[in-house]
């Protein structure tokens, strides 16, 4: 399945768009260009057998990301966004994010990831989940699913690189926060901006990313602590 580009809209007057993303000009970060959509606009369905939940212990858990720039830790709180927190847990347990790239980096706005190294893995997890209510603001360091419209969250995640409170009213529900290693996150390579094509990542995975974007930073592994 081909995906639309993942979109995070940060301006009150901007509407969530579905496909194209603007040229990667760092000067335009202040304009808050919307991120490409994370999933096709279709209603959330019941998970397939391989996606059945394996509940994590307790309402709070932590995930350690080992990246090409170093390590950072995300603390997830199920009370913030129960469905998002559970999907993230399942993805990490399935090693979905291992060797995946930070394919969209807009300085002073967001860092985005969540298209798998192997297109088969991306396809495996393309069933969207329903939305959570927004109970926490999109503050600096918070972690949120990208969307392509209502009830379209699948695998793509963004880290807020500033206070993006305006995203709250647009339905972006944070489920966790970077609690250690934000300095590592800030060093993730931003030179390609929004150049990587999400459709090509979806179809070709890292064969495309590593060939066309040699300086891109990657997640080596993500594990439940």
N, C-alpha and C. Protein backbone atom coordinates (compact mmCIF):
# COMPACT_ATOMS: atom_id res chain seq x y z
N UNK A 1 0.84 -1.20 0.00
CA UNK A 1 0.00 0.00 0.00
C UNK A 1 0.86 1.24 0.00
N UNK A 2 0.56 2.14 -0.90
CA UNK A 2 1.31 3.38 -0.90
C UNK A 2 0.70 4.34 0.09
N UNK A 3 1.60 5.04 0.77
CA UNK A 3 1.13 5.97 1.78
C UNK A 3 1.23 7.40 1.33
N UNK A 4 0.38 8.22 1.87
CA UNK A 4 0.55 9.65 1.68
C UNK A 4 1.59 10.16 2.63
N UNK A 5 2.12 11.32 2.33
CA UNK A 5 3.17 11.88 3.18
C UNK A 5 2.62 12.29 4.53
N UNK A 6 3.45 12.07 5.63
CA UNK A 6 2.93 12.33 6.95
C UNK A 6 2.95 13.81 7.29
N UNK A 7 1.84 14.30 7.90
CA UNK A 7 1.57 15.72 7.98
C UNK A 7 1.36 16.15 9.41
N UNK A 8 2.12 17.11 9.81
CA UNK A 8 1.78 17.71 11.10
C UNK A 8 1.54 19.17 10.86
N UNK A 9 0.37 19.67 11.10
CA UNK A 9 0.04 21.06 10.80
C UNK A 9 0.22 21.89 12.05
N UNK A 10 1.08 22.91 12.03
CA UNK A 10 1.37 23.67 13.23
C UNK A 10 0.83 25.07 13.20
N UNK A 11 0.12 25.53 12.20
CA UNK A 11 -0.42 26.89 12.18
C UNK A 11 -1.92 26.82 12.29
N UNK A 12 -2.56 27.82 12.95
CA UNK A 12 -3.99 27.79 13.15
C UNK A 12 -4.73 27.81 11.82
N UNK A 13 -4.14 28.44 10.80
CA UNK A 13 -4.82 28.56 9.53
C UNK A 13 -4.43 27.47 8.55
N UNK A 14 -3.52 26.56 8.93
CA UNK A 14 -3.08 25.51 8.01
C UNK A 14 -3.99 24.30 8.14
N UNK A 15 -4.29 23.64 7.03
CA UNK A 15 -5.14 22.45 7.04
C UNK A 15 -4.28 21.25 6.74
N UNK A 16 -4.55 20.15 7.43
CA UNK A 16 -3.75 18.93 7.24
C UNK A 16 -3.86 18.49 5.79
N UNK A 17 -2.70 18.44 5.08
CA UNK A 17 -2.68 18.04 3.67
C UNK A 17 -2.31 16.59 3.54
N UNK A 18 -2.52 16.02 2.38
CA UNK A 18 -2.38 14.58 2.28
C UNK A 18 -1.16 14.08 1.54
N UNK A 19 -0.60 14.82 0.64
CA UNK A 19 0.44 14.18 -0.18
C UNK A 19 1.76 14.89 -0.14
N UNK A 20 1.86 16.01 -0.88
CA UNK A 20 3.17 16.58 -1.13
C UNK A 20 3.67 17.38 0.04
N UNK A 21 4.99 17.44 0.18
CA UNK A 21 5.62 18.25 1.20
C UNK A 21 6.48 19.27 0.51
N UNK A 22 6.68 20.46 1.14
CA UNK A 22 7.42 21.53 0.50
C UNK A 22 8.89 21.23 0.42
N UNK A 23 9.64 21.99 -0.40
CA UNK A 23 11.09 21.79 -0.47
C UNK A 23 11.73 21.99 0.87
N UNK A 24 12.83 21.27 1.13
CA UNK A 24 13.45 21.27 2.46
C UNK A 24 14.27 22.52 2.69
N UNK A 25 13.64 23.64 2.93
CA UNK A 25 14.35 24.87 3.24
C UNK A 25 14.28 25.11 4.73
N UNK A 26 15.41 25.14 5.40
CA UNK A 26 15.40 25.35 6.83
C UNK A 26 14.82 26.70 7.18
N UNK A 27 14.95 27.67 6.28
CA UNK A 27 14.40 28.98 6.55
C UNK A 27 12.90 28.93 6.71
N UNK A 28 12.26 27.90 6.11
CA UNK A 28 10.82 27.81 6.16
C UNK A 28 10.32 27.08 7.38
N UNK A 29 11.20 26.65 8.26
CA UNK A 29 10.76 25.96 9.47
C UNK A 29 9.85 26.84 10.29
N UNK A 30 10.15 28.15 10.33
CA UNK A 30 9.34 29.07 11.11
C UNK A 30 7.94 29.19 10.56
N UNK A 31 7.76 28.84 9.26
CA UNK A 31 6.44 28.88 8.67
C UNK A 31 5.61 27.66 9.04
N UNK A 32 6.22 26.72 9.69
CA UNK A 32 5.54 25.53 10.17
C UNK A 32 4.87 24.77 9.04
N UNK A 33 5.65 24.44 8.01
CA UNK A 33 5.12 23.65 6.90
C UNK A 33 4.61 22.33 7.42
N UNK A 34 3.41 21.91 6.99
CA UNK A 34 2.82 20.70 7.55
C UNK A 34 3.60 19.45 7.20
N UNK A 35 3.79 18.53 8.17
CA UNK A 35 4.47 17.27 7.88
C UNK A 35 3.63 16.40 6.96
N UNK A 36 4.27 15.54 6.16
CA UNK A 36 3.53 14.65 5.28
C UNK A 36 2.66 13.66 6.05
N UNK A 37 1.56 13.16 5.47
CA UNK A 37 0.67 12.29 6.21
C UNK A 37 1.28 10.94 6.53
N UNK A 38 0.87 10.40 7.67
CA UNK A 38 1.46 9.16 8.15
C UNK A 38 0.77 7.93 7.66
N UNK A 39 -0.46 8.06 7.21
CA UNK A 39 -1.20 6.87 6.84
C UNK A 39 -2.33 7.26 5.91
N UNK A 40 -2.83 6.32 5.11
CA UNK A 40 -3.96 6.63 4.26
C UNK A 40 -5.21 6.92 5.07
N UNK A 41 -6.08 7.78 4.55
CA UNK A 41 -7.28 8.13 5.27
C UNK A 41 -8.31 7.01 5.13
N UNK A 42 -8.30 6.11 6.09
CA UNK A 42 -9.31 5.08 6.16
C UNK A 42 -9.62 4.85 7.63
N UNK A 43 -10.79 4.32 7.88
CA UNK A 43 -11.23 4.14 9.25
C UNK A 43 -10.43 3.06 9.95
N UNK A 44 -10.25 3.26 11.26
CA UNK A 44 -9.51 2.28 12.03
C UNK A 44 -10.25 0.95 12.03
N UNK A 45 -9.50 -0.13 11.96
CA UNK A 45 -10.07 -1.47 11.92
C UNK A 45 -9.56 -2.27 13.10
N UNK A 46 -10.17 -3.43 13.29
CA UNK A 46 -9.67 -4.34 14.30
C UNK A 46 -8.29 -4.83 13.89
N UNK A 47 -7.34 -4.97 14.83
CA UNK A 47 -5.99 -5.41 14.47
C UNK A 47 -5.99 -6.84 13.95
N UNK A 48 -5.06 -7.12 13.02
CA UNK A 48 -4.89 -8.48 12.55
C UNK A 48 -4.29 -9.33 13.65
N UNK A 49 -4.24 -10.64 13.42
CA UNK A 49 -3.80 -11.56 14.47
C UNK A 49 -2.42 -11.23 14.97
N UNK A 50 -1.49 -10.84 14.05
CA UNK A 50 -0.12 -10.59 14.48
C UNK A 50 0.01 -9.29 15.25
N UNK A 51 -1.07 -8.48 15.26
CA UNK A 51 -1.02 -7.20 15.93
C UNK A 51 -1.78 -7.22 17.26
N UNK A 52 -2.30 -8.38 17.66
CA UNK A 52 -3.02 -8.45 18.91
C UNK A 52 -2.14 -7.99 20.06
N UNK A 53 -2.73 -7.25 20.97
CA UNK A 53 -1.94 -6.60 22.00
C UNK A 53 -1.36 -7.57 23.01
N UNK A 54 -0.16 -7.25 23.43
CA UNK A 54 0.48 -7.92 24.56
C UNK A 54 0.74 -6.81 25.57
N UNK A 55 -0.13 -6.70 26.51
CA UNK A 55 -0.15 -5.55 27.40
C UNK A 55 1.17 -5.38 28.14
N UNK A 56 1.69 -4.16 28.13
CA UNK A 56 2.89 -3.84 28.89
C UNK A 56 2.53 -3.71 30.36
N UNK A 57 3.44 -4.04 31.26
CA UNK A 57 3.14 -3.93 32.69
C UNK A 57 2.98 -2.48 33.11
N UNK A 58 1.92 -2.19 33.84
CA UNK A 58 1.72 -0.85 34.39
C UNK A 58 1.33 0.17 33.34
N UNK A 59 1.01 1.36 33.82
CA UNK A 59 0.57 2.41 32.91
C UNK A 59 1.73 3.21 32.35
N UNK A 60 2.93 3.06 32.91
CA UNK A 60 4.10 3.80 32.44
C UNK A 60 5.19 2.81 32.04
N UNK A 61 5.78 3.03 30.89
CA UNK A 61 6.93 2.23 30.47
C UNK A 61 7.91 3.14 29.73
N UNK A 62 9.13 2.65 29.58
CA UNK A 62 10.17 3.44 28.92
C UNK A 62 10.77 2.67 27.76
N UNK A 63 11.16 3.42 26.75
CA UNK A 63 11.79 2.85 25.56
C UNK A 63 13.13 3.54 25.34
N UNK A 64 14.18 2.73 25.21
CA UNK A 64 15.50 3.28 24.91
C UNK A 64 15.76 3.18 23.41
N UNK A 65 16.08 4.32 22.82
CA UNK A 65 16.45 4.38 21.42
C UNK A 65 17.96 4.51 21.32
N UNK A 66 18.58 3.59 20.63
CA UNK A 66 20.00 3.70 20.31
C UNK A 66 20.09 4.13 18.85
N UNK A 67 20.70 5.29 18.62
CA UNK A 67 20.73 5.87 17.28
C UNK A 67 22.17 6.10 16.82
N UNK A 68 22.31 6.53 15.59
CA UNK A 68 23.62 6.86 15.06
C UNK A 68 24.19 8.13 15.68
N UNK A 69 23.41 8.83 16.48
CA UNK A 69 23.90 10.00 17.20
C UNK A 69 24.05 9.75 18.70
N UNK A 70 23.59 8.60 19.18
CA UNK A 70 23.64 8.31 20.60
C UNK A 70 22.31 7.76 21.09
N UNK A 71 22.09 7.81 22.39
CA UNK A 71 20.88 7.22 22.99
C UNK A 71 19.95 8.30 23.55
N UNK A 72 18.66 8.00 23.47
CA UNK A 72 17.68 8.81 24.19
C UNK A 72 16.57 7.89 24.69
N UNK A 73 15.86 8.34 25.70
CA UNK A 73 14.83 7.52 26.35
C UNK A 73 13.50 8.25 26.30
N UNK A 74 12.48 7.52 25.89
CA UNK A 74 11.11 8.03 25.88
C UNK A 74 10.33 7.35 27.00
N UNK A 75 9.67 8.14 27.82
CA UNK A 75 8.77 7.60 28.84
C UNK A 75 7.34 7.74 28.34
N UNK A 76 6.62 6.62 28.31
CA UNK A 76 5.26 6.58 27.81
C UNK A 76 4.29 6.45 28.97
N UNK A 77 3.22 7.24 28.93
CA UNK A 77 2.19 7.19 29.96
C UNK A 77 0.87 6.81 29.29
N UNK A 78 0.36 5.64 29.63
CA UNK A 78 -0.88 5.16 29.01
C UNK A 78 -2.07 6.07 29.30
N UNK A 79 -2.03 6.79 30.41
CA UNK A 79 -3.13 7.69 30.74
C UNK A 79 -3.22 8.86 29.76
N UNK A 80 -2.11 9.21 29.14
CA UNK A 80 -2.13 10.34 28.21
C UNK A 80 -2.88 10.00 26.92
N UNK A 81 -2.63 8.81 26.39
CA UNK A 81 -3.23 8.39 25.11
C UNK A 81 -3.18 6.87 25.06
N UNK A 82 -4.16 6.18 25.64
CA UNK A 82 -4.08 4.73 25.80
C UNK A 82 -3.88 3.95 24.50
N UNK A 83 -4.60 4.30 23.47
CA UNK A 83 -4.48 3.54 22.22
C UNK A 83 -3.13 3.79 21.55
N UNK A 84 -2.69 5.03 21.56
CA UNK A 84 -1.37 5.33 20.99
C UNK A 84 -0.25 4.68 21.77
N UNK A 85 -0.36 4.70 23.10
CA UNK A 85 0.67 4.09 23.94
C UNK A 85 0.75 2.59 23.70
N UNK A 86 -0.39 1.94 23.51
CA UNK A 86 -0.39 0.50 23.26
C UNK A 86 0.18 0.17 21.88
N UNK A 87 -0.21 0.93 20.88
CA UNK A 87 0.34 0.67 19.54
C UNK A 87 1.86 0.85 19.53
N UNK A 88 2.35 1.89 20.18
CA UNK A 88 3.79 2.13 20.23
C UNK A 88 4.49 0.96 20.92
N UNK A 89 3.90 0.47 22.00
CA UNK A 89 4.47 -0.68 22.71
C UNK A 89 4.58 -1.89 21.78
N UNK A 90 3.50 -2.17 21.06
CA UNK A 90 3.49 -3.33 20.15
C UNK A 90 4.54 -3.18 19.05
N UNK A 91 4.67 -1.97 18.53
CA UNK A 91 5.66 -1.73 17.48
C UNK A 91 7.08 -1.95 17.99
N UNK A 92 7.37 -1.44 19.17
CA UNK A 92 8.71 -1.60 19.73
C UNK A 92 8.99 -3.08 20.01
N UNK A 93 8.00 -3.79 20.58
CA UNK A 93 8.18 -5.22 20.87
C UNK A 93 8.44 -6.01 19.59
N UNK A 94 7.88 -5.57 18.48
CA UNK A 94 8.06 -6.25 17.20
C UNK A 94 9.33 -5.80 16.48
N UNK A 95 10.11 -4.94 17.14
CA UNK A 95 11.36 -4.39 16.59
C UNK A 95 11.12 -3.60 15.30
N UNK A 96 9.96 -2.99 15.23
CA UNK A 96 9.58 -2.26 14.03
C UNK A 96 10.54 -1.12 13.71
N UNK A 97 10.98 -0.39 14.73
CA UNK A 97 11.77 0.82 14.49
C UNK A 97 13.26 0.55 14.28
N UNK A 98 13.70 -0.67 14.50
CA UNK A 98 15.12 -0.97 14.34
C UNK A 98 15.59 -0.68 12.92
N UNK A 99 16.67 0.08 12.82
CA UNK A 99 17.31 0.45 11.55
C UNK A 99 16.46 1.37 10.69
N UNK A 100 15.45 2.02 11.28
CA UNK A 100 14.65 2.97 10.50
C UNK A 100 15.24 4.38 10.60
N UNK A 101 14.96 5.20 9.61
CA UNK A 101 15.59 6.51 9.50
C UNK A 101 14.74 7.65 10.04
N UNK A 102 15.43 8.71 10.45
CA UNK A 102 14.77 9.97 10.79
C UNK A 102 14.62 10.73 9.47
N UNK A 103 13.55 10.44 8.76
CA UNK A 103 13.44 10.86 7.36
C UNK A 103 12.91 12.28 7.20
N UNK A 104 12.43 12.89 8.25
CA UNK A 104 11.93 14.27 8.15
C UNK A 104 12.37 15.05 9.38
N UNK A 105 13.18 16.06 9.16
CA UNK A 105 13.70 16.86 10.27
C UNK A 105 13.52 18.33 9.91
N UNK A 106 12.61 19.00 10.61
CA UNK A 106 12.37 20.43 10.42
C UNK A 106 12.86 21.14 11.68
N UNK A 107 13.98 21.84 11.61
CA UNK A 107 14.52 22.49 12.81
C UNK A 107 13.49 23.39 13.48
N UNK A 108 13.51 23.34 14.80
CA UNK A 108 12.61 24.15 15.63
C UNK A 108 11.14 23.81 15.38
N UNK A 109 10.87 22.59 14.93
CA UNK A 109 9.48 22.16 14.74
C UNK A 109 9.32 20.69 15.13
N UNK A 110 9.71 19.76 14.25
CA UNK A 110 9.55 18.34 14.55
C UNK A 110 10.67 17.51 13.96
N UNK A 111 10.87 16.32 14.54
CA UNK A 111 11.69 15.26 13.96
C UNK A 111 10.78 14.05 13.81
N UNK A 112 10.75 13.46 12.62
CA UNK A 112 9.78 12.42 12.32
C UNK A 112 10.46 11.14 11.87
N UNK A 113 9.87 10.01 12.30
CA UNK A 113 10.36 8.69 11.92
C UNK A 113 9.19 7.72 11.95
N UNK A 114 9.43 6.47 11.50
CA UNK A 114 8.37 5.48 11.61
C UNK A 114 8.00 4.76 10.34
N UNK A 115 8.83 4.88 9.29
CA UNK A 115 8.70 4.01 8.12
C UNK A 115 9.81 2.98 8.21
N UNK A 116 9.44 1.71 8.20
CA UNK A 116 10.37 0.64 8.55
C UNK A 116 11.47 0.45 7.51
N UNK A 117 12.57 -0.14 7.97
CA UNK A 117 13.69 -0.46 7.08
C UNK A 117 13.26 -1.43 5.99
N UNK A 118 12.37 -2.35 6.34
CA UNK A 118 11.89 -3.38 5.41
C UNK A 118 10.45 -3.05 5.01
N UNK A 119 10.16 -2.87 3.74
CA UNK A 119 8.79 -2.56 3.31
C UNK A 119 7.76 -3.59 3.78
N UNK A 120 8.17 -4.84 3.96
CA UNK A 120 7.23 -5.85 4.44
C UNK A 120 6.76 -5.53 5.86
N UNK A 121 7.66 -4.97 6.67
CA UNK A 121 7.28 -4.59 8.03
C UNK A 121 6.34 -3.39 8.01
N UNK A 122 6.61 -2.44 7.13
CA UNK A 122 5.71 -1.29 7.00
C UNK A 122 4.31 -1.77 6.63
N UNK A 123 4.23 -2.69 5.69
CA UNK A 123 2.94 -3.23 5.25
C UNK A 123 2.24 -3.98 6.38
N UNK A 124 2.99 -4.71 7.17
CA UNK A 124 2.42 -5.49 8.26
C UNK A 124 1.64 -4.63 9.23
N UNK A 125 2.12 -3.41 9.46
CA UNK A 125 1.53 -2.54 10.47
C UNK A 125 0.75 -1.38 9.87
N UNK A 126 0.14 -1.57 8.71
CA UNK A 126 -0.54 -0.45 8.08
C UNK A 126 -2.00 -0.29 8.49
N UNK A 127 -2.48 -1.13 9.40
CA UNK A 127 -3.86 -0.98 9.89
C UNK A 127 -3.93 0.16 10.90
N UNK A 128 -4.73 1.19 10.64
CA UNK A 128 -4.77 2.34 11.56
C UNK A 128 -5.53 2.05 12.84
N UNK A 129 -5.23 2.85 13.85
CA UNK A 129 -5.95 2.78 15.12
C UNK A 129 -6.80 4.04 15.28
N UNK A 130 -7.77 3.94 16.15
CA UNK A 130 -8.64 5.09 16.41
C UNK A 130 -7.88 6.18 17.17
N UNK A 131 -8.41 7.37 17.11
CA UNK A 131 -7.78 8.50 17.79
C UNK A 131 -7.99 8.42 19.30
N UNK A 132 -7.03 8.98 20.02
CA UNK A 132 -7.18 9.25 21.45
C UNK A 132 -7.57 10.71 21.62
N UNK A 133 -8.30 11.05 22.68
CA UNK A 133 -8.50 12.47 22.98
C UNK A 133 -7.18 13.12 23.36
N UNK A 134 -7.05 14.38 23.08
CA UNK A 134 -5.82 15.10 23.42
C UNK A 134 -5.90 15.55 24.88
N UNK A 135 -5.10 14.90 25.72
CA UNK A 135 -5.11 15.20 27.15
C UNK A 135 -3.86 15.94 27.60
N UNK A 136 -2.82 15.95 26.77
CA UNK A 136 -1.57 16.65 27.08
C UNK A 136 -1.19 17.53 25.90
N UNK A 137 -0.56 18.64 26.19
CA UNK A 137 -0.14 19.53 25.12
C UNK A 137 1.09 19.01 24.40
N UNK A 138 1.26 19.41 23.16
CA UNK A 138 2.44 19.05 22.37
C UNK A 138 3.61 19.95 22.74
N UNK A 139 4.14 19.72 23.92
CA UNK A 139 5.25 20.52 24.41
C UNK A 139 6.59 20.02 23.90
N UNK A 140 7.63 20.76 24.20
CA UNK A 140 8.98 20.38 23.80
C UNK A 140 9.31 18.97 24.30
N UNK A 141 9.75 18.11 23.40
CA UNK A 141 10.16 16.76 23.76
C UNK A 141 9.05 15.74 23.80
N UNK A 142 7.79 16.16 23.66
CA UNK A 142 6.71 15.18 23.66
C UNK A 142 6.71 14.39 22.36
N UNK A 143 6.15 13.18 22.44
CA UNK A 143 6.17 12.22 21.34
C UNK A 143 4.73 11.91 20.94
N UNK A 144 4.44 12.02 19.64
CA UNK A 144 3.07 11.99 19.15
C UNK A 144 3.01 11.23 17.83
N UNK A 145 1.91 10.54 17.58
CA UNK A 145 1.71 9.92 16.27
C UNK A 145 1.35 10.96 15.23
N UNK A 146 1.95 10.84 14.05
CA UNK A 146 1.53 11.63 12.90
C UNK A 146 0.27 11.01 12.31
N UNK A 147 -0.51 11.82 11.60
CA UNK A 147 -1.77 11.34 11.05
C UNK A 147 -1.97 11.86 9.63
N UNK A 148 -2.97 11.29 8.96
CA UNK A 148 -3.42 11.79 7.66
C UNK A 148 -4.89 12.17 7.73
N UNK A 149 -5.39 12.41 8.92
CA UNK A 149 -6.79 12.70 9.13
C UNK A 149 -7.29 11.92 10.33
N UNK A 150 -8.58 12.00 10.64
CA UNK A 150 -9.12 11.29 11.80
C UNK A 150 -8.92 9.77 11.70
N UNK A 151 -8.53 9.18 12.81
CA UNK A 151 -8.43 7.72 12.93
C UNK A 151 -7.52 7.08 11.88
N UNK A 152 -6.34 7.67 11.67
CA UNK A 152 -5.41 7.15 10.67
C UNK A 152 -4.02 6.87 11.24
N UNK A 153 -3.87 6.83 12.54
CA UNK A 153 -2.53 6.58 13.12
C UNK A 153 -2.09 5.14 12.85
N UNK A 154 -0.85 5.00 12.40
CA UNK A 154 -0.31 3.66 12.16
C UNK A 154 1.04 3.50 12.85
N UNK A 155 2.10 4.06 12.27
CA UNK A 155 3.46 3.81 12.77
C UNK A 155 4.32 5.06 12.89
N UNK A 156 3.97 6.11 12.18
CA UNK A 156 4.86 7.27 12.14
C UNK A 156 4.71 8.14 13.38
N UNK A 157 5.85 8.56 13.89
CA UNK A 157 5.95 9.30 15.15
C UNK A 157 6.71 10.59 14.90
N UNK A 158 6.36 11.64 15.63
CA UNK A 158 7.21 12.82 15.62
C UNK A 158 7.53 13.25 17.04
N UNK A 159 8.71 13.84 17.18
CA UNK A 159 9.14 14.43 18.44
C UNK A 159 9.03 15.94 18.28
N UNK A 160 8.32 16.58 19.18
CA UNK A 160 8.19 18.03 19.14
C UNK A 160 9.50 18.69 19.56
N UNK A 161 10.03 19.53 18.70
CA UNK A 161 11.30 20.19 18.98
C UNK A 161 11.12 21.58 19.55
N UNK A 162 9.91 21.90 19.91
CA UNK A 162 9.57 23.14 20.61
C UNK A 162 8.16 22.95 21.15
N UNK A 163 7.62 23.95 21.78
CA UNK A 163 6.22 23.89 22.20
C UNK A 163 5.35 24.10 20.97
N UNK A 164 4.63 23.05 20.57
CA UNK A 164 3.72 23.12 19.42
C UNK A 164 2.28 23.01 19.89
N UNK A 165 1.90 23.88 20.79
CA UNK A 165 0.58 23.81 21.42
C UNK A 165 -0.55 23.91 20.39
N UNK A 166 -0.29 24.56 19.29
CA UNK A 166 -1.34 24.72 18.29
C UNK A 166 -1.77 23.39 17.68
N UNK A 167 -0.93 22.38 17.82
CA UNK A 167 -1.31 21.06 17.30
C UNK A 167 -2.39 20.39 18.15
N UNK A 168 -2.54 20.85 19.37
CA UNK A 168 -3.49 20.19 20.29
C UNK A 168 -4.90 20.20 19.72
N UNK A 169 -5.33 21.35 19.22
CA UNK A 169 -6.70 21.48 18.72
C UNK A 169 -6.93 20.71 17.42
N UNK A 170 -5.85 20.24 16.82
CA UNK A 170 -5.98 19.50 15.57
C UNK A 170 -5.97 17.99 15.79
N UNK A 171 -5.99 17.56 17.04
CA UNK A 171 -6.16 16.15 17.35
C UNK A 171 -4.90 15.34 17.54
N UNK A 172 -3.74 15.99 17.62
CA UNK A 172 -2.48 15.27 17.82
C UNK A 172 -2.27 15.03 19.32
N UNK A 173 -2.38 13.77 19.72
CA UNK A 173 -2.38 13.41 21.13
C UNK A 173 -1.04 12.83 21.56
N UNK A 174 -0.23 13.58 22.32
CA UNK A 174 1.03 13.02 22.82
C UNK A 174 0.79 11.81 23.72
N UNK A 175 1.66 10.82 23.61
CA UNK A 175 1.56 9.64 24.47
C UNK A 175 2.80 9.46 25.34
N UNK A 176 3.81 10.28 25.15
CA UNK A 176 5.03 10.16 25.92
C UNK A 176 5.92 11.37 25.74
N UNK A 177 7.11 11.26 26.33
CA UNK A 177 8.05 12.39 26.28
C UNK A 177 9.48 11.87 26.38
N UNK A 178 10.38 12.56 25.69
CA UNK A 178 11.81 12.27 25.84
C UNK A 178 12.25 12.77 27.21
N UNK A 179 12.71 11.84 28.06
CA UNK A 179 13.11 12.23 29.42
C UNK A 179 14.62 12.22 29.60
N UNK A 180 15.33 11.57 28.69
CA UNK A 180 16.79 11.59 28.71
C UNK A 180 17.30 11.63 27.28
N UNK A 181 18.36 12.39 27.07
CA UNK A 181 19.01 12.40 25.76
C UNK A 181 18.42 13.38 24.76
N UNK A 182 17.72 14.41 25.25
CA UNK A 182 17.19 15.39 24.30
C UNK A 182 18.32 16.07 23.53
N UNK A 183 19.48 16.16 24.15
CA UNK A 183 20.64 16.73 23.44
C UNK A 183 21.04 15.85 22.25
N UNK A 184 20.83 14.54 22.38
CA UNK A 184 21.08 13.63 21.26
C UNK A 184 20.08 13.88 20.14
N UNK A 185 18.82 14.00 20.51
CA UNK A 185 17.76 14.26 19.53
C UNK A 185 18.07 15.55 18.75
N UNK A 186 18.54 16.55 19.46
CA UNK A 186 18.82 17.84 18.82
C UNK A 186 19.95 17.76 17.80
N UNK A 187 20.79 16.72 17.89
CA UNK A 187 21.91 16.59 16.96
C UNK A 187 21.58 15.74 15.73
N UNK A 188 20.38 15.21 15.66
CA UNK A 188 19.99 14.41 14.51
C UNK A 188 20.10 15.25 13.23
N UNK A 189 20.67 14.65 12.20
CA UNK A 189 20.99 15.39 10.98
C UNK A 189 19.74 15.99 10.34
N UNK A 190 19.82 17.31 10.08
CA UNK A 190 18.68 18.05 9.54
C UNK A 190 18.89 18.52 8.11
N UNK A 191 20.02 18.16 7.51
CA UNK A 191 20.38 18.72 6.22
C UNK A 191 19.46 18.36 5.06
N UNK A 192 18.73 17.26 5.18
CA UNK A 192 17.84 16.85 4.09
C UNK A 192 16.42 17.39 4.26
N UNK A 193 16.14 17.98 5.41
CA UNK A 193 14.82 18.55 5.62
C UNK A 193 13.70 17.57 5.33
N UNK A 194 12.93 17.89 4.30
CA UNK A 194 11.79 17.05 3.91
C UNK A 194 12.00 16.38 2.55
N UNK A 195 13.26 16.26 2.14
CA UNK A 195 13.55 15.69 0.82
C UNK A 195 13.16 14.22 0.66
N UNK A 196 13.42 13.34 1.64
CA UNK A 196 13.09 11.93 1.42
C UNK A 196 11.62 11.73 1.06
N UNK A 197 11.37 10.95 0.04
CA UNK A 197 10.02 10.69 -0.47
C UNK A 197 9.41 9.53 0.30
N UNK A 198 8.31 9.79 0.99
CA UNK A 198 7.71 8.75 1.83
C UNK A 198 7.17 7.58 1.02
N UNK A 199 6.65 7.85 -0.17
CA UNK A 199 6.16 6.75 -0.99
C UNK A 199 7.29 5.80 -1.36
N UNK A 200 8.46 6.37 -1.67
CA UNK A 200 9.60 5.53 -2.03
C UNK A 200 10.15 4.79 -0.81
N UNK A 201 10.12 5.44 0.35
CA UNK A 201 10.54 4.74 1.57
C UNK A 201 9.60 3.56 1.83
N UNK A 202 8.30 3.80 1.66
CA UNK A 202 7.32 2.74 1.88
C UNK A 202 7.55 1.56 0.95
N UNK A 203 7.89 1.84 -0.31
CA UNK A 203 8.06 0.77 -1.29
C UNK A 203 9.44 0.11 -1.23
N UNK A 204 10.48 0.91 -0.94
CA UNK A 204 11.84 0.40 -1.04
C UNK A 204 12.59 0.32 0.29
N UNK A 205 12.07 0.98 1.32
CA UNK A 205 12.72 0.94 2.62
C UNK A 205 14.10 1.57 2.60
N UNK A 206 15.02 0.97 3.34
CA UNK A 206 16.36 1.54 3.47
C UNK A 206 17.20 1.45 2.20
N UNK A 207 16.81 0.61 1.27
CA UNK A 207 17.52 0.56 0.00
C UNK A 207 17.48 1.93 -0.67
N UNK A 208 16.37 2.61 -0.51
CA UNK A 208 16.23 3.97 -1.04
C UNK A 208 16.93 4.99 -0.15
N UNK A 209 16.65 4.96 1.14
CA UNK A 209 17.18 5.98 2.04
C UNK A 209 18.70 5.98 2.09
N UNK A 210 19.29 4.82 2.24
CA UNK A 210 20.75 4.77 2.43
C UNK A 210 21.51 5.05 1.14
N UNK A 211 20.86 4.85 0.02
CA UNK A 211 21.50 5.16 -1.25
C UNK A 211 21.42 6.65 -1.57
N UNK A 212 20.27 7.26 -1.33
CA UNK A 212 20.05 8.64 -1.72
C UNK A 212 20.42 9.66 -0.64
N UNK A 213 20.43 9.24 0.61
CA UNK A 213 20.65 10.19 1.71
C UNK A 213 21.69 9.63 2.68
N UNK A 214 22.96 9.64 2.27
CA UNK A 214 24.01 8.97 3.04
C UNK A 214 24.28 9.57 4.41
N UNK A 215 23.90 10.81 4.63
CA UNK A 215 24.15 11.45 5.93
C UNK A 215 22.97 11.31 6.90
N UNK A 216 21.91 10.68 6.46
CA UNK A 216 20.73 10.54 7.30
C UNK A 216 21.06 9.77 8.58
N UNK A 217 20.48 10.17 9.69
CA UNK A 217 20.64 9.43 10.94
C UNK A 217 19.56 8.36 11.06
N UNK A 218 19.92 7.26 11.76
CA UNK A 218 19.03 6.11 11.87
C UNK A 218 18.90 5.65 13.32
N UNK A 219 17.80 4.97 13.59
CA UNK A 219 17.62 4.26 14.85
C UNK A 219 18.28 2.89 14.69
N UNK A 220 19.27 2.60 15.50
CA UNK A 220 19.88 1.27 15.46
C UNK A 220 18.94 0.23 16.08
N UNK A 221 18.39 0.57 17.23
CA UNK A 221 17.41 -0.30 17.86
C UNK A 221 16.60 0.50 18.87
N UNK A 222 15.39 0.01 19.13
CA UNK A 222 14.51 0.59 20.15
C UNK A 222 13.98 -0.56 20.99
N UNK A 223 14.17 -0.50 22.31
CA UNK A 223 13.80 -1.61 23.18
C UNK A 223 13.06 -1.11 24.41
N UNK A 224 12.13 -1.94 24.90
CA UNK A 224 11.45 -1.66 26.16
C UNK A 224 12.44 -1.84 27.30
N UNK A 225 12.50 -0.90 28.19
CA UNK A 225 13.43 -0.98 29.32
C UNK A 225 12.79 -1.76 30.48
